[in-house]
N, C-alpha and C. Protein backbone atom coordinates (compact mmCIF):
# COMPACT_ATOMS: atom_id res chain seq x y z
N UNK A 1 8.81 16.39 48.43
CA UNK A 1 8.87 17.12 47.20
C UNK A 1 9.42 16.28 46.09
N UNK A 2 10.54 15.52 46.36
CA UNK A 2 11.15 14.69 45.30
C UNK A 2 10.20 13.53 44.94
N UNK A 3 9.51 13.04 46.01
CA UNK A 3 8.62 11.83 45.75
C UNK A 3 7.41 12.36 44.84
N UNK A 4 6.98 13.53 45.20
CA UNK A 4 5.85 14.06 44.29
C UNK A 4 6.32 14.35 42.89
N UNK A 5 7.40 14.86 42.73
CA UNK A 5 7.91 15.08 41.34
C UNK A 5 8.11 13.72 40.68
N UNK A 6 8.66 12.71 41.39
CA UNK A 6 8.83 11.41 40.83
C UNK A 6 7.50 10.79 40.38
N UNK A 7 6.41 11.01 41.24
CA UNK A 7 5.07 10.45 40.89
C UNK A 7 4.55 11.16 39.60
N UNK A 8 4.78 12.47 39.51
CA UNK A 8 4.33 13.15 38.21
C UNK A 8 5.16 12.71 37.04
N UNK A 9 6.45 12.48 37.18
CA UNK A 9 7.30 11.93 36.15
C UNK A 9 6.78 10.61 35.71
N UNK A 10 6.54 9.72 36.72
CA UNK A 10 6.01 8.38 36.39
C UNK A 10 4.75 8.41 35.62
N UNK A 11 3.76 9.25 35.98
CA UNK A 11 2.51 9.52 35.36
C UNK A 11 2.80 9.95 33.89
N UNK A 12 3.61 10.88 33.71
CA UNK A 12 3.98 11.36 32.41
C UNK A 12 4.45 10.34 31.54
N UNK A 13 5.39 9.47 32.02
CA UNK A 13 5.91 8.42 31.16
C UNK A 13 4.91 7.34 30.88
N UNK A 14 4.10 7.00 31.80
CA UNK A 14 3.03 6.04 31.64
C UNK A 14 2.13 6.52 30.59
N UNK A 15 1.75 7.84 30.54
CA UNK A 15 0.77 8.34 29.64
C UNK A 15 1.40 8.57 28.23
N UNK A 16 2.55 9.20 28.29
CA UNK A 16 3.19 9.55 26.95
C UNK A 16 4.52 8.87 26.69
N UNK A 17 4.80 7.79 27.48
CA UNK A 17 6.11 7.14 27.38
C UNK A 17 6.38 6.60 25.94
N UNK A 18 5.40 5.97 25.37
CA UNK A 18 5.53 5.42 24.11
C UNK A 18 5.83 6.54 23.03
N UNK A 19 5.18 7.71 23.11
CA UNK A 19 5.40 8.79 22.27
C UNK A 19 6.79 9.30 22.43
N UNK A 20 7.21 9.41 23.60
CA UNK A 20 8.60 9.96 23.92
C UNK A 20 9.64 9.13 23.32
N UNK A 21 9.52 7.75 23.60
CA UNK A 21 10.38 6.86 22.89
C UNK A 21 10.42 6.93 21.46
N UNK A 22 9.25 6.90 20.86
CA UNK A 22 9.18 6.97 19.38
C UNK A 22 9.77 8.23 18.88
N UNK A 23 9.59 9.37 19.57
CA UNK A 23 10.16 10.61 19.11
C UNK A 23 11.65 10.62 19.25
N UNK A 24 12.22 9.95 20.30
CA UNK A 24 13.71 9.75 20.37
C UNK A 24 14.23 8.90 19.32
N UNK A 25 13.60 7.84 19.01
CA UNK A 25 14.01 6.94 17.92
C UNK A 25 13.96 7.65 16.55
N UNK A 26 12.91 8.48 16.32
CA UNK A 26 12.78 9.26 15.07
C UNK A 26 13.89 10.29 14.93
N UNK A 27 14.28 10.87 16.03
CA UNK A 27 15.35 11.88 15.99
C UNK A 27 16.65 11.23 15.67
N UNK A 28 16.92 10.10 16.24
CA UNK A 28 18.30 9.36 16.03
C UNK A 28 18.34 8.84 14.53
N UNK A 29 17.17 8.29 14.10
CA UNK A 29 17.13 7.81 12.72
C UNK A 29 17.25 9.02 11.74
N UNK A 30 16.60 10.15 12.04
CA UNK A 30 16.60 11.27 11.29
C UNK A 30 18.06 11.91 11.16
N UNK A 31 18.77 11.93 12.31
CA UNK A 31 20.10 12.48 12.12
C UNK A 31 20.96 11.51 11.47
N UNK A 32 20.83 10.20 11.50
CA UNK A 32 21.69 9.22 10.80
C UNK A 32 21.28 9.35 9.26
N UNK A 33 19.99 9.61 8.98
CA UNK A 33 19.67 9.68 7.55
C UNK A 33 20.17 10.93 7.00
N UNK A 34 20.22 12.09 7.77
CA UNK A 34 20.73 13.32 7.36
C UNK A 34 22.26 13.17 7.08
N UNK A 35 22.93 12.46 7.86
CA UNK A 35 24.35 12.24 7.64
C UNK A 35 24.60 11.50 6.35
N UNK A 36 23.81 10.58 6.11
CA UNK A 36 23.82 9.87 4.80
C UNK A 36 23.65 10.71 3.64
N UNK A 37 22.63 11.61 3.68
CA UNK A 37 22.29 12.43 2.58
C UNK A 37 23.34 13.47 2.35
N UNK A 38 23.84 14.03 3.54
CA UNK A 38 24.95 14.97 3.37
C UNK A 38 26.19 14.45 2.80
N UNK A 39 26.50 13.21 3.13
CA UNK A 39 27.61 12.48 2.42
C UNK A 39 27.42 12.29 0.97
N UNK A 40 26.21 11.97 0.64
CA UNK A 40 25.84 11.70 -0.78
C UNK A 40 26.00 13.01 -1.57
N UNK A 41 25.45 14.08 -1.02
CA UNK A 41 25.48 15.35 -1.60
C UNK A 41 27.04 15.89 -1.76
N UNK A 42 27.72 15.79 -0.66
CA UNK A 42 28.98 16.40 -0.55
C UNK A 42 30.07 15.48 -1.40
N UNK A 43 29.92 14.25 -1.29
CA UNK A 43 31.01 13.33 -1.89
C UNK A 43 30.64 12.77 -3.19
N UNK A 44 29.36 12.76 -3.64
CA UNK A 44 29.04 12.08 -4.84
C UNK A 44 28.37 13.06 -5.86
N UNK A 45 27.45 13.86 -5.35
CA UNK A 45 26.68 14.70 -6.35
C UNK A 45 27.34 16.10 -6.63
N UNK A 46 27.87 16.77 -5.72
CA UNK A 46 28.39 18.10 -6.02
C UNK A 46 29.76 18.07 -6.58
N UNK A 47 30.66 17.17 -6.50
CA UNK A 47 31.89 17.19 -7.26
C UNK A 47 31.76 17.29 -8.82
N UNK A 48 30.90 16.41 -9.41
CA UNK A 48 30.83 16.54 -10.95
C UNK A 48 29.98 17.75 -11.26
N UNK A 49 29.05 18.17 -10.39
CA UNK A 49 28.32 19.47 -10.66
C UNK A 49 29.28 20.64 -10.62
N UNK A 50 30.23 20.57 -9.68
CA UNK A 50 31.28 21.70 -9.54
C UNK A 50 32.12 21.68 -10.75
N UNK A 51 32.56 20.49 -11.27
CA UNK A 51 33.39 20.44 -12.42
C UNK A 51 32.69 21.08 -13.73
N UNK A 52 31.34 20.88 -13.79
CA UNK A 52 30.64 21.35 -14.95
C UNK A 52 30.50 22.95 -14.74
N UNK A 53 30.15 23.38 -13.55
CA UNK A 53 29.87 24.78 -13.26
C UNK A 53 31.12 25.64 -13.08
N UNK A 54 32.09 25.15 -12.42
CA UNK A 54 33.27 26.01 -12.06
C UNK A 54 34.59 25.46 -12.46
N UNK A 55 34.68 24.10 -12.69
CA UNK A 55 35.98 23.50 -13.04
C UNK A 55 36.62 22.92 -11.80
N UNK A 56 36.13 23.10 -10.68
CA UNK A 56 36.71 22.37 -9.39
C UNK A 56 35.49 21.98 -8.67
N UNK A 57 35.80 21.49 -7.43
CA UNK A 57 34.78 20.91 -6.49
C UNK A 57 33.78 22.14 -6.15
N UNK A 58 32.53 21.93 -6.08
CA UNK A 58 31.56 22.95 -5.82
C UNK A 58 31.75 23.76 -4.57
N UNK A 59 32.24 22.95 -3.59
CA UNK A 59 32.56 23.65 -2.23
C UNK A 59 33.73 24.68 -2.35
N UNK A 60 34.53 24.49 -3.42
CA UNK A 60 35.69 25.47 -3.51
C UNK A 60 35.27 26.70 -4.33
N UNK A 61 33.97 26.84 -4.80
CA UNK A 61 33.58 27.94 -5.43
C UNK A 61 33.20 29.07 -4.50
N UNK A 62 33.97 30.09 -4.57
CA UNK A 62 33.78 31.21 -3.72
C UNK A 62 34.09 32.55 -4.44
N UNK A 63 33.63 33.69 -3.89
CA UNK A 63 33.87 34.94 -4.43
C UNK A 63 34.61 35.80 -3.36
N UNK A 64 35.76 36.45 -3.68
CA UNK A 64 36.48 37.26 -2.85
C UNK A 64 35.92 38.55 -2.77
N UNK A 65 35.30 39.09 -1.70
CA UNK A 65 34.84 40.40 -1.53
C UNK A 65 35.82 41.46 -1.33
N UNK A 66 36.77 41.16 -0.37
CA UNK A 66 37.78 42.00 0.00
C UNK A 66 38.99 41.16 0.04
N UNK A 67 40.06 41.56 -0.68
CA UNK A 67 41.38 40.83 -0.57
C UNK A 67 42.01 40.81 0.76
N UNK A 68 42.84 39.82 1.02
CA UNK A 68 43.51 39.63 2.24
C UNK A 68 44.85 40.54 2.32
N UNK A 69 45.66 40.20 3.19
CA UNK A 69 46.94 40.86 3.33
C UNK A 69 47.77 40.89 2.05
N UNK A 70 47.77 39.80 1.39
CA UNK A 70 48.47 39.71 0.03
C UNK A 70 47.47 39.95 -1.11
N UNK A 71 47.33 41.12 -1.47
CA UNK A 71 46.23 41.51 -2.49
C UNK A 71 46.37 40.83 -3.88
N UNK A 72 47.52 40.34 -4.19
CA UNK A 72 47.69 39.68 -5.54
C UNK A 72 47.72 38.19 -5.41
N UNK A 73 47.31 37.67 -4.37
CA UNK A 73 47.32 36.16 -4.05
C UNK A 73 46.04 35.66 -4.73
N UNK A 74 46.29 34.35 -5.25
CA UNK A 74 45.13 33.57 -5.91
C UNK A 74 44.87 32.43 -5.01
N UNK A 75 43.68 32.24 -4.52
CA UNK A 75 43.25 31.38 -3.48
C UNK A 75 42.65 30.11 -4.18
N UNK A 76 42.94 28.91 -3.76
CA UNK A 76 42.28 27.75 -4.33
C UNK A 76 41.08 27.30 -3.55
N UNK A 77 41.12 27.67 -2.26
CA UNK A 77 39.95 27.26 -1.38
C UNK A 77 39.47 28.44 -0.61
N UNK A 78 38.29 28.47 -0.08
CA UNK A 78 37.90 29.61 0.81
C UNK A 78 38.72 29.60 2.14
N UNK A 79 39.15 28.45 2.51
CA UNK A 79 39.89 28.39 3.82
C UNK A 79 41.29 29.22 3.62
N UNK A 80 41.88 28.94 2.47
CA UNK A 80 43.19 29.62 2.17
C UNK A 80 42.98 31.21 2.12
N UNK A 81 41.82 31.62 1.44
CA UNK A 81 41.51 33.04 1.43
C UNK A 81 41.24 33.61 2.87
N UNK A 82 40.48 32.97 3.63
CA UNK A 82 40.19 33.30 4.91
C UNK A 82 41.41 33.36 5.89
N UNK A 83 42.32 32.49 5.69
CA UNK A 83 43.50 32.44 6.45
C UNK A 83 44.39 33.52 6.13
N UNK A 84 44.42 34.18 4.86
CA UNK A 84 45.07 35.39 4.38
C UNK A 84 44.35 36.57 4.84
N UNK A 85 43.16 36.45 5.40
CA UNK A 85 42.42 37.64 5.90
C UNK A 85 41.40 38.16 4.95
N UNK A 86 41.31 37.45 3.83
CA UNK A 86 40.27 37.93 2.78
C UNK A 86 38.78 37.60 3.27
N UNK A 87 37.90 38.36 2.78
CA UNK A 87 36.50 38.25 3.05
C UNK A 87 35.79 37.51 1.79
N UNK A 88 35.22 36.42 2.07
CA UNK A 88 34.65 35.68 0.94
C UNK A 88 33.17 35.37 1.00
N UNK A 89 32.56 35.19 -0.05
CA UNK A 89 31.22 34.73 -0.16
C UNK A 89 31.24 33.27 -0.59
N UNK A 90 31.00 32.31 0.28
CA UNK A 90 31.11 30.87 -0.11
C UNK A 90 29.98 30.37 -0.83
N UNK A 91 29.77 30.74 -2.11
CA UNK A 91 28.69 30.36 -2.92
C UNK A 91 28.54 28.90 -2.97
N UNK A 92 29.68 28.24 -3.19
CA UNK A 92 29.60 26.72 -3.39
C UNK A 92 29.18 25.97 -2.22
N UNK A 93 29.55 26.50 -1.08
CA UNK A 93 29.12 25.80 0.20
C UNK A 93 27.58 26.03 0.31
N UNK A 94 27.13 27.28 0.06
CA UNK A 94 25.65 27.50 0.13
C UNK A 94 24.89 26.64 -0.89
N UNK A 95 25.45 26.51 -2.09
CA UNK A 95 24.71 25.63 -3.11
C UNK A 95 24.70 24.21 -2.61
N UNK A 96 25.76 23.81 -1.95
CA UNK A 96 25.82 22.42 -1.36
C UNK A 96 24.74 22.24 -0.30
N UNK A 97 24.50 23.26 0.52
CA UNK A 97 23.52 23.17 1.62
C UNK A 97 22.13 23.20 1.04
N UNK A 98 21.96 23.96 -0.01
CA UNK A 98 20.63 24.06 -0.74
C UNK A 98 20.30 22.66 -1.39
N UNK A 99 21.25 22.00 -2.01
CA UNK A 99 21.14 20.80 -2.67
C UNK A 99 20.78 19.78 -1.67
N UNK A 100 21.50 19.76 -0.56
CA UNK A 100 21.32 18.91 0.51
C UNK A 100 19.91 18.98 1.07
N UNK A 101 19.34 20.15 1.30
CA UNK A 101 17.98 20.33 1.75
C UNK A 101 16.98 19.69 0.80
N UNK A 102 17.21 19.93 -0.52
CA UNK A 102 16.26 19.38 -1.48
C UNK A 102 16.27 17.94 -1.55
N UNK A 103 17.51 17.31 -1.39
CA UNK A 103 17.67 15.92 -1.39
C UNK A 103 16.96 15.21 -0.23
N UNK A 104 17.07 15.88 0.92
CA UNK A 104 16.37 15.34 2.14
C UNK A 104 14.85 15.49 1.95
N UNK A 105 14.35 16.60 1.44
CA UNK A 105 13.03 16.69 1.19
C UNK A 105 12.42 15.69 0.19
N UNK A 106 13.21 15.42 -0.86
CA UNK A 106 12.87 14.57 -1.97
C UNK A 106 12.79 13.12 -1.33
N UNK A 107 13.81 12.77 -0.55
CA UNK A 107 13.79 11.31 0.09
C UNK A 107 12.64 11.24 1.07
N UNK A 108 12.44 12.18 1.81
CA UNK A 108 11.28 12.18 2.85
C UNK A 108 9.98 12.04 2.11
N UNK A 109 9.80 12.75 1.03
CA UNK A 109 8.57 12.74 0.25
C UNK A 109 8.40 11.24 -0.30
N UNK A 110 9.39 10.66 -0.81
CA UNK A 110 9.20 9.25 -1.32
C UNK A 110 8.91 8.30 -0.17
N UNK A 111 9.56 8.50 0.99
CA UNK A 111 9.27 7.58 2.06
C UNK A 111 7.72 7.75 2.50
N UNK A 112 7.33 8.96 2.78
CA UNK A 112 5.92 9.14 3.21
C UNK A 112 4.91 8.83 2.03
N UNK A 113 5.28 8.99 0.83
CA UNK A 113 4.47 8.66 -0.22
C UNK A 113 4.23 7.18 -0.26
N UNK A 114 5.36 6.37 -0.12
CA UNK A 114 5.27 4.95 -0.06
C UNK A 114 4.45 4.46 1.06
N UNK A 115 4.73 5.07 2.21
CA UNK A 115 3.91 4.70 3.46
C UNK A 115 2.43 4.93 3.16
N UNK A 116 2.12 6.08 2.70
CA UNK A 116 0.65 6.36 2.46
C UNK A 116 0.00 5.45 1.45
N UNK A 117 0.72 5.05 0.43
CA UNK A 117 0.15 4.05 -0.45
C UNK A 117 -0.13 2.77 0.13
N UNK A 118 0.89 2.31 0.97
CA UNK A 118 0.70 0.93 1.67
C UNK A 118 -0.49 1.15 2.67
N UNK A 119 -0.56 2.28 3.34
CA UNK A 119 -1.60 2.44 4.44
C UNK A 119 -2.97 2.53 3.75
N UNK A 120 -3.15 3.24 2.57
CA UNK A 120 -4.36 3.36 1.89
C UNK A 120 -4.79 1.91 1.38
N UNK A 121 -3.89 1.20 0.83
CA UNK A 121 -4.13 -0.13 0.26
C UNK A 121 -4.72 -1.05 1.51
N UNK A 122 -4.07 -0.94 2.64
CA UNK A 122 -4.50 -1.71 3.81
C UNK A 122 -5.85 -1.28 4.28
N UNK A 123 -6.01 0.00 4.40
CA UNK A 123 -7.37 0.51 4.82
C UNK A 123 -8.52 0.22 3.82
N UNK A 124 -8.16 0.35 2.50
CA UNK A 124 -9.26 0.12 1.55
C UNK A 124 -9.62 -1.45 1.50
N UNK A 125 -8.71 -2.36 1.65
CA UNK A 125 -8.98 -3.75 1.77
C UNK A 125 -9.75 -4.14 2.97
N UNK A 126 -9.47 -3.41 4.11
CA UNK A 126 -10.22 -3.56 5.31
C UNK A 126 -11.69 -2.97 5.23
N UNK A 127 -11.73 -1.90 4.49
CA UNK A 127 -13.08 -1.29 4.41
C UNK A 127 -13.97 -2.14 3.44
N UNK A 128 -13.39 -2.79 2.38
CA UNK A 128 -14.13 -3.59 1.48
C UNK A 128 -14.86 -4.73 2.13
N UNK A 129 -14.15 -5.31 3.13
CA UNK A 129 -14.65 -6.38 3.87
C UNK A 129 -15.85 -5.99 4.83
N UNK A 130 -15.94 -4.71 5.23
CA UNK A 130 -17.00 -4.18 6.15
C UNK A 130 -18.07 -3.42 5.54
N UNK A 131 -17.95 -3.21 4.15
CA UNK A 131 -18.90 -2.31 3.54
C UNK A 131 -19.51 -3.01 2.36
N UNK A 132 -20.66 -2.34 1.97
CA UNK A 132 -21.33 -2.67 0.64
C UNK A 132 -21.68 -1.47 -0.01
N UNK A 133 -21.78 -1.49 -1.41
CA UNK A 133 -22.23 -0.19 -2.14
C UNK A 133 -23.67 0.02 -1.94
N UNK A 134 -23.97 1.30 -1.78
CA UNK A 134 -25.38 1.80 -1.61
C UNK A 134 -26.03 1.45 -3.09
N UNK A 135 -27.28 0.81 -2.95
CA UNK A 135 -27.96 0.53 -4.28
C UNK A 135 -28.38 1.72 -5.06
N UNK A 136 -28.32 2.96 -4.54
CA UNK A 136 -28.66 4.13 -5.12
C UNK A 136 -27.64 4.99 -5.68
N UNK A 137 -26.56 5.24 -4.86
CA UNK A 137 -25.49 6.08 -5.24
C UNK A 137 -24.08 5.41 -5.41
N UNK A 138 -24.12 4.09 -5.11
CA UNK A 138 -22.98 3.28 -5.28
C UNK A 138 -21.80 3.59 -4.39
N UNK A 139 -21.95 4.49 -3.41
CA UNK A 139 -20.80 4.81 -2.41
C UNK A 139 -20.83 3.64 -1.40
N UNK A 140 -19.59 3.43 -0.82
CA UNK A 140 -19.44 2.25 0.19
C UNK A 140 -20.02 2.89 1.41
N UNK A 141 -20.86 2.06 2.10
CA UNK A 141 -21.49 2.21 3.36
C UNK A 141 -21.22 1.01 4.26
N UNK A 142 -21.31 1.09 5.54
CA UNK A 142 -21.15 -0.05 6.41
C UNK A 142 -22.29 -1.06 6.09
N UNK A 143 -21.95 -2.38 6.29
CA UNK A 143 -22.91 -3.43 5.93
C UNK A 143 -24.22 -3.31 6.84
N UNK A 144 -24.04 -2.87 8.01
CA UNK A 144 -25.21 -2.79 8.83
C UNK A 144 -25.93 -1.44 8.95
N UNK A 145 -25.61 -0.56 7.89
CA UNK A 145 -26.14 0.73 7.88
C UNK A 145 -27.71 0.74 7.49
N UNK A 146 -28.46 1.58 8.03
CA UNK A 146 -29.85 1.64 7.68
C UNK A 146 -30.12 2.65 6.59
N UNK A 147 -29.35 3.69 6.65
CA UNK A 147 -29.42 4.75 5.70
C UNK A 147 -28.06 5.17 5.15
N UNK A 148 -28.02 5.46 3.87
CA UNK A 148 -26.77 5.78 3.25
C UNK A 148 -26.30 7.29 3.75
N UNK A 149 -25.12 7.36 4.18
CA UNK A 149 -24.66 8.69 4.60
C UNK A 149 -24.30 9.62 3.54
N UNK A 150 -24.42 9.16 2.30
CA UNK A 150 -24.06 10.11 1.26
C UNK A 150 -25.31 10.63 0.56
N UNK A 151 -26.26 9.72 0.23
CA UNK A 151 -27.50 10.13 -0.44
C UNK A 151 -28.79 9.96 0.44
N UNK A 152 -28.67 9.61 1.69
CA UNK A 152 -29.57 9.45 2.74
C UNK A 152 -30.76 8.58 2.29
N UNK A 153 -30.58 7.75 1.39
CA UNK A 153 -31.70 6.84 1.03
C UNK A 153 -31.76 5.68 1.93
N UNK A 154 -32.84 5.02 2.18
CA UNK A 154 -32.91 3.92 3.13
C UNK A 154 -32.39 2.71 2.42
N UNK A 155 -31.41 2.04 3.15
CA UNK A 155 -30.77 0.80 2.47
C UNK A 155 -31.45 -0.39 3.09
N UNK A 156 -31.49 -0.40 4.35
CA UNK A 156 -31.89 -1.66 5.01
C UNK A 156 -32.70 -1.21 6.19
N UNK A 157 -33.98 -1.59 6.18
CA UNK A 157 -34.85 -1.28 7.31
C UNK A 157 -34.73 -2.38 8.28
N UNK A 158 -34.30 -2.00 9.45
CA UNK A 158 -34.17 -2.90 10.55
C UNK A 158 -35.25 -2.75 11.53
N UNK A 159 -36.19 -3.65 11.59
CA UNK A 159 -37.35 -3.49 12.46
C UNK A 159 -37.10 -4.43 13.61
N UNK A 160 -37.23 -4.08 14.85
CA UNK A 160 -37.06 -4.88 15.99
C UNK A 160 -38.08 -6.05 15.94
N UNK A 161 -37.75 -7.15 16.47
CA UNK A 161 -38.49 -8.39 16.42
C UNK A 161 -39.85 -8.30 16.99
N UNK A 162 -40.15 -7.42 17.93
CA UNK A 162 -41.47 -7.26 18.51
C UNK A 162 -42.42 -6.46 17.63
N UNK A 163 -41.96 -5.91 16.49
CA UNK A 163 -42.86 -5.16 15.64
C UNK A 163 -42.96 -5.95 14.27
N UNK A 164 -44.17 -5.68 13.70
CA UNK A 164 -44.46 -6.23 12.38
C UNK A 164 -45.23 -5.15 11.63
N UNK A 165 -45.11 -5.10 10.28
CA UNK A 165 -45.87 -4.20 9.46
C UNK A 165 -47.18 -4.81 9.12
N UNK A 166 -48.19 -3.93 9.09
CA UNK A 166 -49.48 -4.46 8.51
C UNK A 166 -49.47 -4.15 7.00
N UNK A 167 -50.58 -4.32 6.38
CA UNK A 167 -50.65 -4.14 4.91
C UNK A 167 -50.42 -2.66 4.51
N UNK A 168 -50.76 -1.70 5.43
CA UNK A 168 -50.70 -0.33 5.12
C UNK A 168 -49.26 0.27 5.30
N UNK A 169 -48.29 -0.48 5.85
CA UNK A 169 -46.97 -0.03 6.21
C UNK A 169 -46.83 0.50 7.63
N UNK A 170 -47.88 0.42 8.40
CA UNK A 170 -47.88 0.79 9.79
C UNK A 170 -47.26 -0.30 10.74
N UNK A 171 -46.40 0.22 11.59
CA UNK A 171 -45.81 -0.83 12.51
C UNK A 171 -46.87 -1.19 13.59
N UNK A 172 -46.86 -2.47 13.78
CA UNK A 172 -47.76 -3.05 14.92
C UNK A 172 -46.94 -3.63 16.03
N UNK A 173 -47.11 -3.32 17.20
CA UNK A 173 -46.41 -3.76 18.34
C UNK A 173 -46.98 -5.24 18.75
N UNK A 174 -46.22 -6.25 18.58
CA UNK A 174 -46.76 -7.63 18.83
C UNK A 174 -46.89 -7.91 20.30
N UNK A 175 -46.04 -7.17 21.11
CA UNK A 175 -46.06 -7.38 22.60
C UNK A 175 -47.40 -6.79 23.23
N UNK A 176 -48.16 -5.99 22.61
CA UNK A 176 -49.29 -5.42 23.26
C UNK A 176 -50.55 -6.26 22.94
């Protein structure tokens, strides 16, 4: 039983091993990237934004829904309010999370956008070496194409060496 499972696992890793390793590396890099973005948002971006909007750090912006044991208390942070038993809506923390999400999306967009531009440039230079423009529609078609895949016009008639055209355009088999 264990040997059979081991064989299946070995087959799985041989077939998909590269993808599994790539996925693992992607997850590790993604979590490290997320930590960097979270630190950027929490430590650099939201403190000045909080000063503009609320006068303190954005994470300390909260609304007391129900006061705690000491009803006349003024709380500086959500933690102080919750320690007193107050119920709070942590608006600043939520805004911090939303900003964090959009920053990750923005950074990922630019990473993939840059990657796609590089990939398209590489592919287009590769295609230019292997293609010629169609004389009729000017679309790029492979150099050895007989018909254009866009306008279906005949580009290059490839006649096998054993055939020859007579004066009327009919093929004559030279082997006969």
